[in-house]
Amino acid sequence: MLKLRGESVYLRALEPEDSEIIYKWENNTDVWQVSDTLVPFSRYTIDQYVNSIQDIYVNKQLRLVICENETSAVIGTLDVFDFNPFHSRAGIGILIADNKHRKKGFASQALSLAIDYCFTVLMLNQIYCNIPVENEDSLNLFLRYDFQIVGIMKNWNKTLNGFADEYFLQLLNYHLDT
């Protein structure tokens, strides 16, 4: 049985009241580097996105909110993106927005729940992620869940200090009959 609730976090769909926090996070220039964002988002654009129909088969992406079980506080987001039902794959990304919520296992539980969702509900053959080589915490998180580094994209991301490499990782669903 699919669970979108772990011991300390749960995943849920976006709600209209999430507009303010999503607006804040999307306009946080500290995370623009990993989200390939170059310009701020307007409140109108965020409101339209949050209030749109969140159908992964239509939008080819799904944003889930990560909430702490104890308080129901919204602490981050988990994105399933680049969804390709024909090839049975999707990308995955996680944001734990505030440093005070990091290194507490929240991202790990959210990733575990998302893997189960992607393989059980979406019946994907594989999920993948891209991680800048300097982001050791994210790399270690995905490696703990058996993601494999299958490539390094050289000079992939432009940074203030020049170009940086990025890992490409995949997790194959070995439980599917192929």
Protein backbone atom coordinates (compact mmCIF):
# COMPACT_ATOMS: atom_id res chain seq x y z
CA MET A 1 0.00 0.00 0.00
CA LEU A 2 1.32 3.43 -0.96
CA LYS A 3 2.08 5.82 1.86
CA LEU A 4 2.78 9.47 1.39
CA ARG A 5 3.50 9.78 5.11
CA GLY A 6 6.71 8.83 6.85
CA GLU A 7 7.70 8.95 10.51
CA SER A 8 8.38 12.67 10.53
CA VAL A 9 7.18 14.08 7.17
CA TYR A 10 4.37 13.68 4.68
CA LEU A 11 3.90 14.72 1.08
CA ARG A 12 0.77 16.47 -0.14
CA ALA A 13 -0.51 18.33 -3.17
CA LEU A 14 -0.18 22.09 -3.48
CA GLU A 15 -2.98 24.11 -1.91
CA PRO A 16 -3.90 27.75 -2.61
CA GLU A 17 -2.52 28.79 0.79
CA ASP A 18 0.93 27.56 -0.34
CA SER A 19 1.25 30.48 -2.79
CA GLU A 20 3.03 32.75 -0.30
CA ILE A 21 5.71 30.24 0.72
CA ILE A 22 6.25 29.05 -2.88
CA TYR A 23 6.60 32.70 -3.93
CA LYS A 24 9.24 33.21 -1.21
CA TRP A 25 11.19 30.06 -2.12
CA GLU A 26 11.07 30.58 -5.88
CA ASN A 27 12.41 34.11 -5.43
CA ASN A 28 15.22 33.09 -3.06
CA THR A 29 18.31 33.85 -5.11
CA ASP A 30 20.35 31.44 -2.97
CA VAL A 31 18.67 28.47 -4.68
CA TRP A 32 18.46 29.87 -8.20
CA GLN A 33 21.72 28.16 -9.14
CA VAL A 34 20.26 24.66 -8.65
CA SER A 35 16.84 25.48 -10.06
CA ASP A 36 18.11 27.12 -13.26
CA THR A 37 16.22 30.30 -12.39
CA LEU A 38 17.47 33.61 -13.73
CA VAL A 39 14.59 36.00 -13.05
CA PRO A 40 12.13 36.46 -10.19
CA PHE A 41 8.62 35.08 -10.36
CA SER A 42 5.64 37.39 -9.90
CA ARG A 43 3.03 36.67 -7.26
CA TYR A 44 0.49 36.37 -10.09
CA THR A 45 2.57 33.69 -11.84
CA ILE A 46 2.97 31.71 -8.61
CA ASP A 47 -0.75 32.02 -7.82
CA GLN A 48 -1.62 30.77 -11.33
CA TYR A 49 0.78 27.83 -10.95
CA VAL A 50 -0.42 26.83 -7.47
CA ASN A 51 -4.07 27.08 -8.49
CA SER A 52 -3.64 25.22 -11.78
CA ILE A 53 -4.66 21.62 -12.24
CA GLN A 54 -1.75 19.52 -11.01
CA ASP A 55 -2.04 16.60 -13.42
CA ILE A 56 1.34 15.02 -14.10
CA TYR A 57 0.07 13.58 -17.39
CA VAL A 58 -0.89 17.05 -18.62
CA ASN A 59 1.86 19.22 -17.10
CA LYS A 60 4.65 16.60 -17.25
CA GLN A 61 5.55 17.65 -13.72
CA LEU A 62 4.19 17.42 -10.20
CA ARG A 63 5.16 19.50 -7.21
CA LEU A 64 4.45 18.01 -3.81
CA VAL A 65 4.78 19.90 -0.54
CA ILE A 66 6.89 18.39 2.24
CA CYS A 67 5.26 18.89 5.64
CA GLU A 68 6.48 18.03 9.10
CA ASN A 69 4.15 15.50 10.75
CA GLU A 70 4.25 17.00 14.23
CA THR A 71 3.27 20.56 13.29
CA SER A 72 2.09 20.23 9.66
CA ALA A 73 4.60 23.01 8.92
CA VAL A 74 5.52 23.30 5.25
CA ILE A 75 9.30 22.75 5.13
CA GLY A 76 10.02 22.11 1.47
CA THR A 77 8.97 20.79 -1.89
CA LEU A 78 9.58 17.69 -3.93
CA ASP A 79 9.35 17.95 -7.69
CA VAL A 80 8.75 15.15 -10.13
CA PHE A 81 9.60 16.76 -13.45
CA ASP A 82 10.34 15.93 -17.06
CA PHE A 83 7.76 13.15 -16.74
CA ASN A 84 7.80 10.97 -19.83
CA PRO A 85 5.15 8.24 -19.72
CA PHE A 86 6.26 6.76 -23.04
CA HIS A 87 9.80 6.14 -21.82
CA SER A 88 8.57 5.57 -18.26
CA ARG A 89 10.93 8.01 -16.54
CA ALA A 90 11.02 11.28 -14.65
CA GLY A 91 13.42 13.57 -12.85
CA ILE A 92 13.23 14.26 -9.16
CA GLY A 93 14.36 17.21 -7.06
CA ILE A 94 14.05 18.16 -3.40
CA LEU A 95 14.18 21.48 -1.58
CA ILE A 96 14.33 21.70 2.19
CA ALA A 97 14.09 25.46 2.31
CA ASP A 98 15.32 26.49 5.73
CA ASN A 99 18.67 25.47 7.19
CA LYS A 100 16.98 24.70 10.53
CA HIS A 101 15.12 21.80 8.85
CA ARG A 102 18.17 20.37 7.10
CA LYS A 103 20.19 17.38 8.32
CA LYS A 104 17.20 16.03 10.27
CA GLY A 105 16.24 13.24 7.87
CA PHE A 106 13.32 15.12 6.31
CA ALA A 107 14.76 15.04 2.78
CA SER A 108 15.60 11.36 3.19
CA GLN A 109 12.05 10.45 4.18
CA ALA A 110 10.57 12.62 1.43
CA LEU A 111 12.83 10.94 -1.14
CA SER A 112 11.85 7.49 0.11
CA LEU A 113 8.15 8.35 -0.18
CA ALA A 114 8.69 9.82 -3.66
CA ILE A 115 10.58 6.77 -4.90
CA ASP A 116 7.72 4.56 -3.75
CA TYR A 117 5.20 6.88 -5.45
CA CYS A 118 7.14 6.98 -8.73
CA PHE A 119 7.60 3.22 -8.93
CA THR A 120 4.28 2.08 -7.42
CA VAL A 121 1.75 4.64 -8.66
CA LEU A 122 3.36 6.08 -11.78
CA MET A 123 4.93 2.68 -12.54
CA LEU A 124 8.09 4.30 -13.83
CA ASN A 125 11.05 2.30 -15.05
CA GLN A 126 13.52 4.89 -13.76
CA ILE A 127 13.94 8.19 -11.99
CA TYR A 128 16.92 10.46 -12.26
CA CYS A 129 18.44 13.57 -10.76
CA ASN A 130 21.13 16.11 -11.52
CA ILE A 131 23.40 17.22 -8.68
CA PRO A 132 26.18 19.81 -8.82
CA VAL A 133 29.46 18.09 -7.89
CA GLU A 134 29.99 20.47 -4.97
CA ASN A 135 26.65 19.50 -3.36
CA GLU A 136 27.96 16.57 -1.34
CA ASP A 137 24.95 16.42 1.00
CA SER A 138 22.52 15.90 -1.89
CA LEU A 139 24.84 13.46 -3.60
CA ASN A 140 25.14 11.35 -0.44
CA LEU A 141 21.36 11.42 0.05
CA PHE A 142 20.63 10.04 -3.40
CA LEU A 143 23.46 7.51 -3.22
CA ARG A 144 21.95 6.14 0.04
CA TYR A 145 18.84 5.27 -1.99
CA ASP A 146 20.86 3.35 -4.58
CA PHE A 147 20.93 6.04 -7.24
CA GLN A 148 23.95 5.41 -9.44
CA ILE A 149 26.22 8.07 -10.88
CA VAL A 150 26.06 7.35 -14.60
CA GLY A 151 27.82 10.43 -15.85
CA ILE A 152 29.43 13.75 -15.15
CA MET A 153 28.41 16.65 -17.33
CA LYS A 154 31.49 18.83 -17.68
CA ASN A 155 31.19 22.61 -17.37
CA TRP A 156 27.42 22.12 -17.20
CA ASN A 157 26.44 25.02 -14.96
CA LYS A 158 27.63 28.59 -15.17
CA THR A 159 28.43 29.99 -11.74
CA LEU A 160 29.90 33.20 -10.38
CA ASN A 161 33.25 31.39 -10.27
CA GLY A 162 33.12 29.99 -13.81
CA PHE A 163 31.64 26.71 -14.98
CA ALA A 164 30.92 23.74 -12.71
CA ASP A 165 30.41 20.05 -13.34
CA GLU A 166 27.19 18.19 -12.51
CA TYR A 167 26.51 14.54 -11.75
CA PHE A 168 23.73 12.66 -13.54
CA LEU A 169 22.27 9.88 -11.38
CA GLN A 170 19.66 7.21 -12.14
CA LEU A 171 17.65 4.76 -10.09
CA LEU A 172 16.17 1.87 -12.06
CA ASN A 173 13.04 0.07 -10.92
CA TYR A 174 14.24 -3.51 -10.85
CA HIS A 175 10.80 -4.68 -9.72
CA LEU A 176 9.17 -4.03 -13.07
CA ASP A 177 8.85 -6.94 -15.44
CA THR A 178 10.64 -5.86 -18.60
